[in-house]
Amino acid sequence: RHHHLAVVELRARDEAVARRAGEARLAPDHVVAPGDQRLVRIAYEKYYIRLEERYVNAQFKTATERYEQLLQDAPHIPERVPLGHIASYLGISQETLSRIRSRL
């Protein structure tokens, strides 16, 4: 059995309920339990959409535009997440994020 490192690490900042999805749950439909197929498909679709949005944002939007989009999508984030994590998510330095925040 081969083990691969995760490309994405998820951490809950607040109390959360987690459900572990092992290899069988993320395998093709014929391996996933019939009741879970829809759930897995929806999870894949949402993940793909977010991944595509992040790629487009990183390639075609300025750092200020990315921060403004984050505030629009999730206005509570700056109150709950350290600025260093936000800067990393946006692909900018913490100093650049501080300058952007001071101008807004």
PDB file of N, CA and C in Angstrom:
ATOM      1  N   ARG A   1       0.850  -1.186   0.000  1.00  0.00           N
ATOM      2  CA  ARG A   1       0.000   0.000   0.000  1.00  0.00           C
ATOM      3  C   ARG A   1       0.886   1.237   0.000  1.00  0.00           C
ATOM      4  N   HIS A   2       0.624   2.148  -0.915  1.00  0.00           N
ATOM      5  CA  HIS A   2       1.426   3.357  -1.021  1.00  0.00           C
ATOM      6  C   HIS A   2       0.776   4.491  -0.231  1.00  0.00           C
ATOM      7  N   HIS A   3       1.593   5.271   0.423  1.00  0.00           N
ATOM      8  CA  HIS A   3       1.096   6.436   1.148  1.00  0.00           C
ATOM      9  C   HIS A   3       1.659   7.686   0.488  1.00  0.00           C
ATOM     10  N   HIS A   4       0.829   8.669   0.301  1.00  0.00           N
ATOM     11  CA  HIS A   4       1.244   9.917  -0.321  1.00  0.00           C
ATOM     12  C   HIS A   4       0.990  11.057   0.644  1.00  0.00           C
ATOM     13  N   LEU A   5       1.866  12.027   0.622  1.00  0.00           N
ATOM     14  CA  LEU A   5       1.654  13.205   1.447  1.00  0.00           C
ATOM     15  C   LEU A   5       0.528  14.038   0.858  1.00  0.00           C
ATOM     16  N   ALA A   6      -0.231  14.665   1.713  1.00  0.00           N
ATOM     17  CA  ALA A   6      -1.319  15.533   1.251  1.00  0.00           C
ATOM     18  C   ALA A   6      -0.738  16.796   0.644  1.00  0.00           C
ATOM     19  N   VAL A   7      -1.372  17.283  -0.396  1.00  0.00           N
ATOM     20  CA  VAL A   7      -0.965  18.533  -1.022  1.00  0.00           C
ATOM     21  C   VAL A   7      -1.522  19.697  -0.220  1.00  0.00           C
ATOM     22  N   VAL A   8      -2.672  19.502   0.382  1.00  0.00           N
ATOM     23  CA  VAL A   8      -3.356  20.551   1.126  1.00  0.00           C
ATOM     24  C   VAL A   8      -3.518  20.110   2.568  1.00  0.00           C
ATOM     25  N   GLU A   9      -3.229  21.005   3.482  1.00  0.00           N
ATOM     26  CA  GLU A   9      -3.440  20.732   4.897  1.00  0.00           C
ATOM     27  C   GLU A   9      -4.575  21.610   5.379  1.00  0.00           C
ATOM     28  N   LEU A  10      -5.547  21.028   6.024  1.00  0.00           N
ATOM     29  CA  LEU A  10      -6.692  21.771   6.528  1.00  0.00           C
ATOM     30  C   LEU A  10      -6.619  21.830   8.042  1.00  0.00           C
ATOM     31  N   ARG A  11      -6.829  23.018   8.593  1.00  0.00           N
ATOM     32  CA  ARG A  11      -6.861  23.191  10.037  1.00  0.00           C
ATOM     33  C   ARG A  11      -8.081  24.016  10.396  1.00  0.00           C
ATOM     34  N   ALA A  12      -8.796  23.583  11.396  1.00  0.00           N
ATOM     35  CA  ALA A  12      -9.970  24.332  11.853  1.00  0.00           C
ATOM     36  C   ALA A  12      -9.517  25.403  12.830  1.00  0.00           C
ATOM     37  N   ARG A  13      -9.953  26.631  12.612  1.00  0.00           N
ATOM     38  CA  ARG A  13      -9.620  27.729  13.523  1.00  0.00           C
ATOM     39  C   ARG A  13     -10.617  27.790  14.679  1.00  0.00           C
ATOM     40  N   ASP A  14     -11.784  27.243  14.478  1.00  0.00           N
ATOM     41  CA  ASP A  14     -12.821  27.203  15.493  1.00  0.00           C
ATOM     42  C   ASP A  14     -13.247  25.756  15.682  1.00  0.00           C
ATOM     43  N   GLU A  15     -14.118  25.530  16.650  1.00  0.00           N
ATOM     44  CA  GLU A  15     -14.623  24.181  16.868  1.00  0.00           C
ATOM     45  C   GLU A  15     -15.259  23.674  15.572  1.00  0.00           C
ATOM     46  N   ALA A  16     -14.938  22.456  15.225  1.00  0.00           N
ATOM     47  CA  ALA A  16     -15.438  21.909  13.963  1.00  0.00           C
ATOM     48  C   ALA A  16     -15.662  20.411  14.100  1.00  0.00           C
ATOM     49  N   VAL A  17     -16.475  19.897  13.234  1.00  0.00           N
ATOM     50  CA  VAL A  17     -16.679  18.460  13.148  1.00  0.00           C
ATOM     51  C   VAL A  17     -15.968  18.000  11.887  1.00  0.00           C
ATOM     52  N   ALA A  18     -15.140  16.996  12.019  1.00  0.00           N
ATOM     53  CA  ALA A  18     -14.384  16.512  10.867  1.00  0.00           C
ATOM     54  C   ALA A  18     -14.784  15.082  10.557  1.00  0.00           C
ATOM     55  N   ARG A  19     -14.730  14.764   9.293  1.00  0.00           N
ATOM     56  CA  ARG A  19     -14.982  13.400   8.851  1.00  0.00           C
ATOM     57  C   ARG A  19     -13.812  12.991   7.984  1.00  0.00           C
ATOM     58  N   ARG A  20     -13.169  11.918   8.348  1.00  0.00           N
ATOM     59  CA  ARG A  20     -12.005  11.474   7.609  1.00  0.00           C
ATOM     60  C   ARG A  20     -12.436  10.777   6.328  1.00  0.00           C
ATOM     61  N   ALA A  21     -11.801  11.166   5.246  1.00  0.00           N
ATOM     62  CA  ALA A  21     -12.079  10.533   3.953  1.00  0.00           C
ATOM     63  C   ALA A  21     -10.822   9.777   3.541  1.00  0.00           C
ATOM     64  N   GLY A  22     -10.848   8.483   3.725  1.00  0.00           N
ATOM     65  CA  GLY A  22      -9.711   7.647   3.368  1.00  0.00           C
ATOM     66  C   GLY A  22      -9.651   7.401   1.876  1.00  0.00           C
ATOM     67  N   GLU A  23      -8.700   6.594   1.461  1.00  0.00           N
ATOM     68  CA  GLU A  23      -8.520   6.313   0.032  1.00  0.00           C
ATOM     69  C   GLU A  23      -9.781   5.757  -0.601  1.00  0.00           C
ATOM     70  N   ALA A  24     -10.471   4.864   0.079  1.00  0.00           N
ATOM     71  CA  ALA A  24     -11.669   4.259  -0.507  1.00  0.00           C
ATOM     72  C   ALA A  24     -12.753   5.298  -0.740  1.00  0.00           C
ATOM     73  N   ARG A  25     -12.846   6.280   0.116  1.00  0.00           N
ATOM     74  CA  ARG A  25     -13.883   7.304  -0.039  1.00  0.00           C
ATOM     75  C   ARG A  25     -13.574   8.239  -1.206  1.00  0.00           C
ATOM     76  N   LEU A  26     -12.319   8.344  -1.567  1.00  0.00           N
ATOM     77  CA  LEU A  26     -11.955   9.253  -2.657  1.00  0.00           C
ATOM     78  C   LEU A  26     -11.638   8.501  -3.944  1.00  0.00           C
ATOM     79  N   ALA A  27     -11.939   7.243  -3.949  1.00  0.00           N
ATOM     80  CA  ALA A  27     -11.677   6.420  -5.120  1.00  0.00           C
ATOM     81  C   ALA A  27     -12.818   6.569  -6.127  1.00  0.00           C
ATOM     82  N   PRO A  28     -12.704   5.954  -7.287  1.00  0.00           N
ATOM     83  CA  PRO A  28     -13.776   6.018  -8.283  1.00  0.00           C
ATOM     84  C   PRO A  28     -15.110   5.562  -7.710  1.00  0.00           C
ATOM     85  N   ASP A  29     -16.186   5.959  -8.399  1.00  0.00           N
ATOM     86  CA  ASP A  29     -17.547   5.689  -7.927  1.00  0.00           C
ATOM     87  C   ASP A  29     -17.804   4.235  -7.584  1.00  0.00           C
ATOM     88  N   HIS A  30     -17.212   3.300  -8.317  1.00  0.00           N
ATOM     89  CA  HIS A  30     -17.506   1.895  -8.058  1.00  0.00           C
ATOM     90  C   HIS A  30     -16.945   1.408  -6.729  1.00  0.00           C
ATOM     91  N   VAL A  31     -16.028   2.170  -6.121  1.00  0.00           N
ATOM     92  CA  VAL A  31     -15.452   1.793  -4.832  1.00  0.00           C
ATOM     93  C   VAL A  31     -16.158   2.529  -3.696  1.00  0.00           C
ATOM     94  N   VAL A  32     -16.704   3.693  -3.961  1.00  0.00           N
ATOM     95  CA  VAL A  32     -17.377   4.505  -2.958  1.00  0.00           C
ATOM     96  C   VAL A  32     -18.767   3.936  -2.703  1.00  0.00           C
ATOM     97  N   ALA A  33     -19.153   3.901  -1.440  1.00  0.00           N
ATOM     98  CA  ALA A  33     -20.489   3.401  -1.087  1.00  0.00           C
ATOM     99  C   ALA A  33     -21.535   4.227  -1.826  1.00  0.00           C
ATOM    100  N   PRO A  34     -22.583   3.602  -2.343  1.00  0.00           N
ATOM    101  CA  PRO A  34     -23.596   4.313  -3.137  1.00  0.00           C
ATOM    102  C   PRO A  34     -24.139   5.576  -2.467  1.00  0.00           C
ATOM    103  N   GLY A  35     -24.357   5.534  -1.157  1.00  0.00           N
ATOM    104  CA  GLY A  35     -24.891   6.702  -0.466  1.00  0.00           C
ATOM    105  C   GLY A  35     -23.910   7.856  -0.391  1.00  0.00           C
ATOM    106  N   ASP A  36     -22.607   7.556  -0.552  1.00  0.00           N
ATOM    107  CA  ASP A  36     -21.581   8.598  -0.440  1.00  0.00           C
ATOM    108  C   ASP A  36     -21.137   9.159  -1.784  1.00  0.00           C
ATOM    109  N   GLN A  37     -21.556   8.557  -2.889  1.00  0.00           N
ATOM    110  CA  GLN A  37     -21.098   9.000  -4.208  1.00  0.00           C
ATOM    111  C   GLN A  37     -21.440  10.460  -4.467  1.00  0.00           C
ATOM    112  N   ARG A  38     -22.654  10.847  -4.152  1.00  0.00           N
ATOM    113  CA  ARG A  38     -23.070  12.237  -4.380  1.00  0.00           C
ATOM    114  C   ARG A  38     -22.243  13.189  -3.520  1.00  0.00           C
ATOM    115  N   LEU A  39     -22.034  12.819  -2.256  1.00  0.00           N
ATOM    116  CA  LEU A  39     -21.247  13.646  -1.341  1.00  0.00           C
ATOM    117  C   LEU A  39     -19.817  13.830  -1.852  1.00  0.00           C
ATOM    118  N   VAL A  40     -19.210  12.736  -2.310  1.00  0.00           N
ATOM    119  CA  VAL A  40     -17.838  12.805  -2.823  1.00  0.00           C
ATOM    120  C   VAL A  40     -17.784  13.663  -4.085  1.00  0.00           C
ATOM    121  N   ARG A  41     -18.753  13.488  -4.986  1.00  0.00           N
ATOM    122  CA  ARG A  41     -18.782  14.289  -6.222  1.00  0.00           C
ATOM    123  C   ARG A  41     -18.912  15.775  -5.903  1.00  0.00           C
ATOM    124  N   ILE A  42     -19.799  16.121  -4.987  1.00  0.00           N
ATOM    125  CA  ILE A  42     -19.994  17.525  -4.613  1.00  0.00           C
ATOM    126  C   ILE A  42     -18.716  18.085  -3.986  1.00  0.00           C
ATOM    127  N   ALA A  43     -18.079  17.300  -3.130  1.00  0.00           N
ATOM    128  CA  ALA A  43     -16.831  17.753  -2.500  1.00  0.00           C
ATOM    129  C   ALA A  43     -15.756  18.008  -3.547  1.00  0.00           C
ATOM    130  N   TYR A  44     -15.623  17.090  -4.515  1.00  0.00           N
ATOM    131  CA  TYR A  44     -14.656  17.276  -5.599  1.00  0.00           C
ATOM    132  C   TYR A  44     -14.974  18.539  -6.410  1.00  0.00           C
ATOM    133  N   GLU A  45     -16.236  18.735  -6.735  1.00  0.00           N
ATOM    134  CA  GLU A  45     -16.628  19.905  -7.526  1.00  0.00           C
ATOM    135  C   GLU A  45     -16.309  21.193  -6.788  1.00  0.00           C
ATOM    136  N   LYS A  46     -16.657  21.266  -5.509  1.00  0.00           N
ATOM    137  CA  LYS A  46     -16.387  22.479  -4.723  1.00  0.00           C
ATOM    138  C   LYS A  46     -14.890  22.731  -4.603  1.00  0.00           C
ATOM    139  N   TYR A  47     -14.132  21.663  -4.378  1.00  0.00           N
ATOM    140  CA  TYR A  47     -12.686  21.810  -4.266  1.00  0.00           C
ATOM    141  C   TYR A  47     -12.099  22.305  -5.586  1.00  0.00           C
ATOM    142  N   TYR A  48     -12.528  21.742  -6.693  1.00  0.00           N
ATOM    143  CA  TYR A  48     -12.021  22.148  -7.999  1.00  0.00           C
ATOM    144  C   TYR A  48     -12.343  23.613  -8.284  1.00  0.00           C
ATOM    145  N   ILE A  49     -13.563  24.031  -7.976  1.00  0.00           N
ATOM    146  CA  ILE A  49     -13.961  25.426  -8.204  1.00  0.00           C
ATOM    147  C   ILE A  49     -13.090  26.368  -7.381  1.00  0.00           C
ATOM    148  N   ARG A  50     -12.876  26.057  -6.111  1.00  0.00           N
ATOM    149  CA  ARG A  50     -12.036  26.915  -5.251  1.00  0.00           C
ATOM    150  C   ARG A  50     -10.592  26.940  -5.769  1.00  0.00           C
ATOM    151  N   LEU A  51     -10.100  25.778  -6.200  1.00  0.00           N
ATOM    152  CA  LEU A  51      -8.737  25.706  -6.724  1.00  0.00           C
ATOM    153  C   LEU A  51      -8.598  26.571  -7.969  1.00  0.00           C
ATOM    154  N   GLU A  52      -9.578  26.498  -8.848  1.00  0.00           N
ATOM    155  CA  GLU A  52      -9.562  27.306 -10.068  1.00  0.00           C
ATOM    156  C   GLU A  52      -9.644  28.794  -9.733  1.00  0.00           C
ATOM    157  N   GLU A  53     -10.485  29.161  -8.783  1.00  0.00           N
ATOM    158  CA  GLU A  53     -10.594  30.570  -8.374  1.00  0.00           C
ATOM    159  C   GLU A  53      -9.266  31.079  -7.826  1.00  0.00           C
ATOM    160  N   ARG A  54      -8.611  30.275  -7.005  1.00  0.00           N
ATOM    161  CA  ARG A  54      -7.322  30.689  -6.449  1.00  0.00           C
ATOM    162  C   ARG A  54      -6.279  30.868  -7.551  1.00  0.00           C
ATOM    163  N   TYR A  55      -6.289  29.978  -8.535  1.00  0.00           N
ATOM    164  CA  TYR A  55      -5.340  30.081  -9.644  1.00  0.00           C
ATOM    165  C   TYR A  55      -5.588  31.367 -10.430  1.00  0.00           C
ATOM    166  N   VAL A  56      -6.837  31.607 -10.780  1.00  0.00           N
ATOM    167  CA  VAL A  56      -7.184  32.812 -11.543  1.00  0.00           C
ATOM    168  C   VAL A  56      -6.824  34.058 -10.745  1.00  0.00           C
ATOM    169  N   ASN A  57      -7.162  34.066  -9.474  1.00  0.00           N
ATOM    170  CA  ASN A  57      -6.838  35.219  -8.632  1.00  0.00           C
ATOM    171  C   ASN A  57      -5.338  35.467  -8.587  1.00  0.00           C
ATOM    172  N   ALA A  58      -4.565  34.406  -8.416  1.00  0.00           N
ATOM    173  CA  ALA A  58      -3.114  34.550  -8.317  1.00  0.00           C
ATOM    174  C   ALA A  58      -2.504  35.054  -9.617  1.00  0.00           C
ATOM    175  N   GLN A  59      -3.082  34.653 -10.743  1.00  0.00           N
ATOM    176  CA  GLN A  59      -2.516  35.020 -12.036  1.00  0.00           C
ATOM    177  C   GLN A  59      -2.962  36.374 -12.558  1.00  0.00           C
ATOM    178  N   PHE A  60      -4.196  36.754 -12.258  1.00  0.00           N
ATOM    179  CA  PHE A  60      -4.768  37.906 -12.940  1.00  0.00           C
ATOM    180  C   PHE A  60      -5.234  39.048 -12.035  1.00  0.00           C
ATOM    181  N   LYS A  61      -5.169  38.887 -10.734  1.00  0.00           N
ATOM    182  CA  LYS A  61      -5.601  39.954  -9.838  1.00  0.00           C
ATOM    183  C   LYS A  61      -4.419  40.470  -9.037  1.00  0.00           C
ATOM    184  N   THR A  62      -4.478  41.745  -8.703  1.00  0.00           N
ATOM    185  CA  THR A  62      -3.427  42.321  -7.863  1.00  0.00           C
ATOM    186  C   THR A  62      -3.616  41.835  -6.439  1.00  0.00           C
ATOM    187  N   ALA A  63      -2.601  42.043  -5.606  1.00  0.00           N
ATOM    188  CA  ALA A  63      -2.691  41.651  -4.199  1.00  0.00           C
ATOM    189  C   ALA A  63      -3.854  42.370  -3.517  1.00  0.00           C
ATOM    190  N   THR A  64      -4.048  43.636  -3.836  1.00  0.00           N
ATOM    191  CA  THR A  64      -5.155  44.397  -3.252  1.00  0.00           C
ATOM    192  C   THR A  64      -6.488  43.815  -3.674  1.00  0.00           C
ATOM    193  N   GLU A  65      -6.614  43.457  -4.933  1.00  0.00           N
ATOM    194  CA  GLU A  65      -7.864  42.864  -5.420  1.00  0.00           C
ATOM    195  C   GLU A  65      -8.133  41.522  -4.746  1.00  0.00           C
ATOM    196  N   ARG A  66      -7.067  40.735  -4.536  1.00  0.00           N
ATOM    197  CA  ARG A  66      -7.247  39.438  -3.868  1.00  0.00           C
ATOM    198  C   ARG A  66      -7.703  39.635  -2.431  1.00  0.00           C
ATOM    199  N   TYR A  67      -7.130  40.614  -1.733  1.00  0.00           N
ATOM    200  CA  TYR A  67      -7.538  40.876  -0.353  1.00  0.00           C
ATOM    201  C   TYR A  67      -8.980  41.388  -0.303  1.00  0.00           C
ATOM    202  N   GLU A  68      -9.325  42.293  -1.212  1.00  0.00           N
ATOM    203  CA  GLU A  68     -10.702  42.803  -1.247  1.00  0.00           C
ATOM    204  C   GLU A  68     -11.693  41.670  -1.533  1.00  0.00           C
ATOM    205  N   GLN A  69     -11.322  40.737  -2.407  1.00  0.00           N
ATOM    206  CA  GLN A  69     -12.187  39.592  -2.699  1.00  0.00           C
ATOM    207  C   GLN A  69     -12.362  38.720  -1.462  1.00  0.00           C
ATOM    208  N   LEU A  70     -11.279  38.517  -0.732  1.00  0.00           N
ATOM    209  CA  LEU A  70     -11.363  37.741   0.505  1.00  0.00           C
ATOM    210  C   LEU A  70     -12.311  38.410   1.497  1.00  0.00           C
ATOM    211  N   LEU A  71     -12.203  39.727   1.637  1.00  0.00           N
ATOM    212  CA  LEU A  71     -13.091  40.453   2.546  1.00  0.00           C
ATOM    213  C   LEU A  71     -14.546  40.353   2.104  1.00  0.00           C
ATOM    214  N   GLN A  72     -14.763  40.362   0.815  1.00  0.00           N
ATOM    215  CA  GLN A  72     -16.126  40.249   0.294  1.00  0.00           C
ATOM    216  C   GLN A  72     -16.680  38.840   0.538  1.00  0.00           C
ATOM    217  N   ASP A  73     -15.863  37.830   0.284  1.00  0.00           N
ATOM    218  CA  ASP A  73     -16.309  36.443   0.420  1.00  0.00           C
ATOM    219  C   ASP A  73     -16.427  36.001   1.876  1.00  0.00           C
ATOM    220  N   ALA A  74     -15.525  36.467   2.707  1.00  0.00           N
ATOM    221  CA  ALA A  74     -15.486  36.014   4.105  1.00  0.00           C
ATOM    222  C   ALA A  74     -15.035  37.157   5.015  1.00  0.00           C
ATOM    223  N   PRO A  75     -15.907  38.135   5.274  1.00  0.00           N
ATOM    224  CA  PRO A  75     -15.516  39.313   6.042  1.00  0.00           C
ATOM    225  C   PRO A  75     -15.052  39.018   7.471  1.00  0.00           C
ATOM    226  N   HIS A  76     -15.390  37.868   8.007  1.00  0.00           N
ATOM    227  CA  HIS A  76     -14.996  37.510   9.370  1.00  0.00           C
ATOM    228  C   HIS A  76     -13.554  37.004   9.472  1.00  0.00           C
ATOM    229  N   ILE A  77     -12.947  36.660   8.377  1.00  0.00           N
ATOM    230  CA  ILE A  77     -11.611  36.048   8.397  1.00  0.00           C
ATOM    231  C   ILE A  77     -10.559  36.914   9.099  1.00  0.00           C
ATOM    232  N   PRO A  78     -10.425  38.203   8.788  1.00  0.00           N
ATOM    233  CA  PRO A  78      -9.371  38.992   9.457  1.00  0.00           C
ATOM    234  C   PRO A  78      -9.520  39.047  10.979  1.00  0.00           C
ATOM    235  N   GLU A  79     -10.708  38.859  11.493  1.00  0.00           N
ATOM    236  CA  GLU A  79     -10.914  38.865  12.940  1.00  0.00           C
ATOM    237  C   GLU A  79     -10.504  37.541  13.584  1.00  0.00           C
ATOM    238  N   ARG A  80     -10.476  36.467  12.805  1.00  0.00           N
ATOM    239  CA  ARG A  80     -10.285  35.135  13.360  1.00  0.00           C
ATOM    240  C   ARG A  80      -8.970  34.465  12.974  1.00  0.00           C
ATOM    241  N   VAL A  81      -8.333  34.949  11.927  1.00  0.00           N
ATOM    242  CA  VAL A  81      -7.142  34.281  11.400  1.00  0.00           C
ATOM    243  C   VAL A  81      -5.945  35.230  11.488  1.00  0.00           C
ATOM    244  N   PRO A  82      -4.804  34.737  11.964  1.00  0.00           N
ATOM    245  CA  PRO A  82      -3.610  35.595  12.018  1.00  0.00           C
ATOM    246  C   PRO A  82      -3.248  36.145  10.636  1.00  0.00           C
ATOM    247  N   LEU A  83      -2.761  37.376  10.618  1.00  0.00           N
ATOM    248  CA  LEU A  83      -2.421  38.026   9.345  1.00  0.00           C
ATOM    249  C   LEU A  83      -1.373  37.254   8.552  1.00  0.00           C
ATOM    250  N   GLY A  84      -0.482  36.580   9.238  1.00  0.00           N
ATOM    251  CA  GLY A  84       0.528  35.786   8.535  1.00  0.00           C
ATOM    252  C   GLY A  84      -0.105  34.678   7.703  1.00  0.00           C
ATOM    253  N   HIS A  85      -1.154  34.064   8.225  1.00  0.00           N
ATOM    254  CA  HIS A  85      -1.855  33.013   7.484  1.00  0.00           C
ATOM    255  C   HIS A  85      -2.617  33.601   6.298  1.00  0.00           C
ATOM    256  N   ILE A  86      -3.217  34.769   6.513  1.00  0.00           N
ATOM    257  CA  ILE A  86      -3.947  35.429   5.428  1.00  0.00           C
ATOM    258  C   ILE A  86      -2.977  35.804   4.312  1.00  0.00           C
ATOM    259  N   ALA A  87      -1.837  36.374   4.677  1.00  0.00           N
ATOM    260  CA  ALA A  87      -0.830  36.759   3.681  1.00  0.00           C
ATOM    261  C   ALA A  87      -0.378  35.534   2.886  1.00  0.00           C
ATOM    262  N   SER A  88      -0.128  34.434   3.574  1.00  0.00           N
ATOM    263  CA  SER A  88       0.291  33.209   2.898  1.00  0.00           C
ATOM    264  C   SER A  88      -0.786  32.725   1.940  1.00  0.00           C
ATOM    265  N   TYR A  89      -2.028  32.753   2.366  1.00  0.00           N
ATOM    266  CA  TYR A  89      -3.151  32.332   1.525  1.00  0.00           C
ATOM    267  C   TYR A  89      -3.232  33.191   0.263  1.00  0.00           C
ATOM    268  N   LEU A  90      -2.967  34.493   0.416  1.00  0.00           N
ATOM    269  CA  LEU A  90      -3.044  35.417  -0.714  1.00  0.00           C
ATOM    270  C   LEU A  90      -1.779  35.395  -1.575  1.00  0.00           C
ATOM    271  N   GLY A  91      -0.731  34.734  -1.094  1.00  0.00           N
ATOM    272  CA  GLY A  91       0.512  34.657  -1.847  1.00  0.00           C
ATOM    273  C   GLY A  91       1.330  35.935  -1.781  1.00  0.00           C
ATOM    274  N   ILE A  92       1.242  36.631  -0.654  1.00  0.00           N
ATOM    275  CA  ILE A  92       1.983  37.887  -0.477  1.00  0.00           C
ATOM    276  C   ILE A  92       2.680  37.867   0.876  1.00  0.00           C
ATOM    277  N   SER A  93       3.589  38.815   1.082  1.00  0.00           N
ATOM    278  CA  SER A  93       4.265  38.897   2.373  1.00  0.00           C
ATOM    279  C   SER A  93       3.348  39.572   3.391  1.00  0.00           C
ATOM    280  N   GLN A  94       3.656  39.372   4.653  1.00  0.00           N
ATOM    281  CA  GLN A  94       2.864  39.991   5.709  1.00  0.00           C
ATOM    282  C   GLN A  94       3.018  41.522   5.651  1.00  0.00           C
ATOM    283  N   GLU A  95       4.173  41.989   5.247  1.00  0.00           N
ATOM    284  CA  GLU A  95       4.401  43.437   5.120  1.00  0.00           C
ATOM    285  C   GLU A  95       3.510  44.025   4.024  1.00  0.00           C
ATOM    286  N   THR A  96       3.415  43.317   2.894  1.00  0.00           N
ATOM    287  CA  THR A  96       2.553  43.790   1.809  1.00  0.00           C
ATOM    288  C   THR A  96       1.102  43.821   2.264  1.00  0.00           C
ATOM    289  N   LEU A  97       0.676  42.801   2.986  1.00  0.00           N
ATOM    290  CA  LEU A  97      -0.692  42.781   3.499  1.00  0.00           C
ATOM    291  C   LEU A  97      -0.930  43.954   4.444  1.00  0.00           C
ATOM    292  N   SER A  98       0.026  44.254   5.285  1.00  0.00           N
ATOM    293  CA  SER A  98      -0.116  45.401   6.205  1.00  0.00           C
ATOM    294  C   SER A  98      -0.259  46.710   5.440  1.00  0.00           C
ATOM    295  N   ARG A  99       0.521  46.877   4.368  1.00  0.00           N
ATOM    296  CA  ARG A  99       0.409  48.095   3.556  1.00  0.00           C
ATOM    297  C   ARG A  99      -0.974  48.179   2.891  1.00  0.00           C
ATOM    298  N   ILE A 100      -1.438  47.051   2.379  1.00  0.00           N
ATOM    299  CA  ILE A 100      -2.770  47.031   1.729  1.00  0.00           C
ATOM    300  C   ILE A 100      -3.844  47.402   2.739  1.00  0.00           C
ATOM    301  N   ARG A 101      -3.769  46.815   3.936  1.00  0.00           N
ATOM    302  CA  ARG A 101      -4.768  47.078   4.975  1.00  0.00           C
ATOM    303  C   ARG A 101      -4.740  48.540   5.410  1.00  0.00           C
ATOM    304  N   SER A 102      -3.577  49.154   5.433  1.00  0.00           N
ATOM    305  CA  SER A 102      -3.495  50.559   5.861  1.00  0.00           C
ATOM    306  C   SER A 102      -4.080  51.505   4.814  1.00  0.00           C
ATOM    307  N   ARG A 103      -4.065  51.090   3.540  1.00  0.00           N
ATOM    308  CA  ARG A 103      -4.614  51.937   2.469  1.00  0.00           C
ATOM    309  C   ARG A 103      -6.125  51.817   2.340  1.00  0.00           C
ATOM    310  N   LEU A 104      -6.687  50.721   2.841  1.00  0.00           N
ATOM    311  CA  LEU A 104      -8.131  50.513   2.690  1.00  0.00           C
ATOM    312  C   LEU A 104      -8.919  51.161   3.810  1.00  0.00           C
TER     313      LEU A 104
END
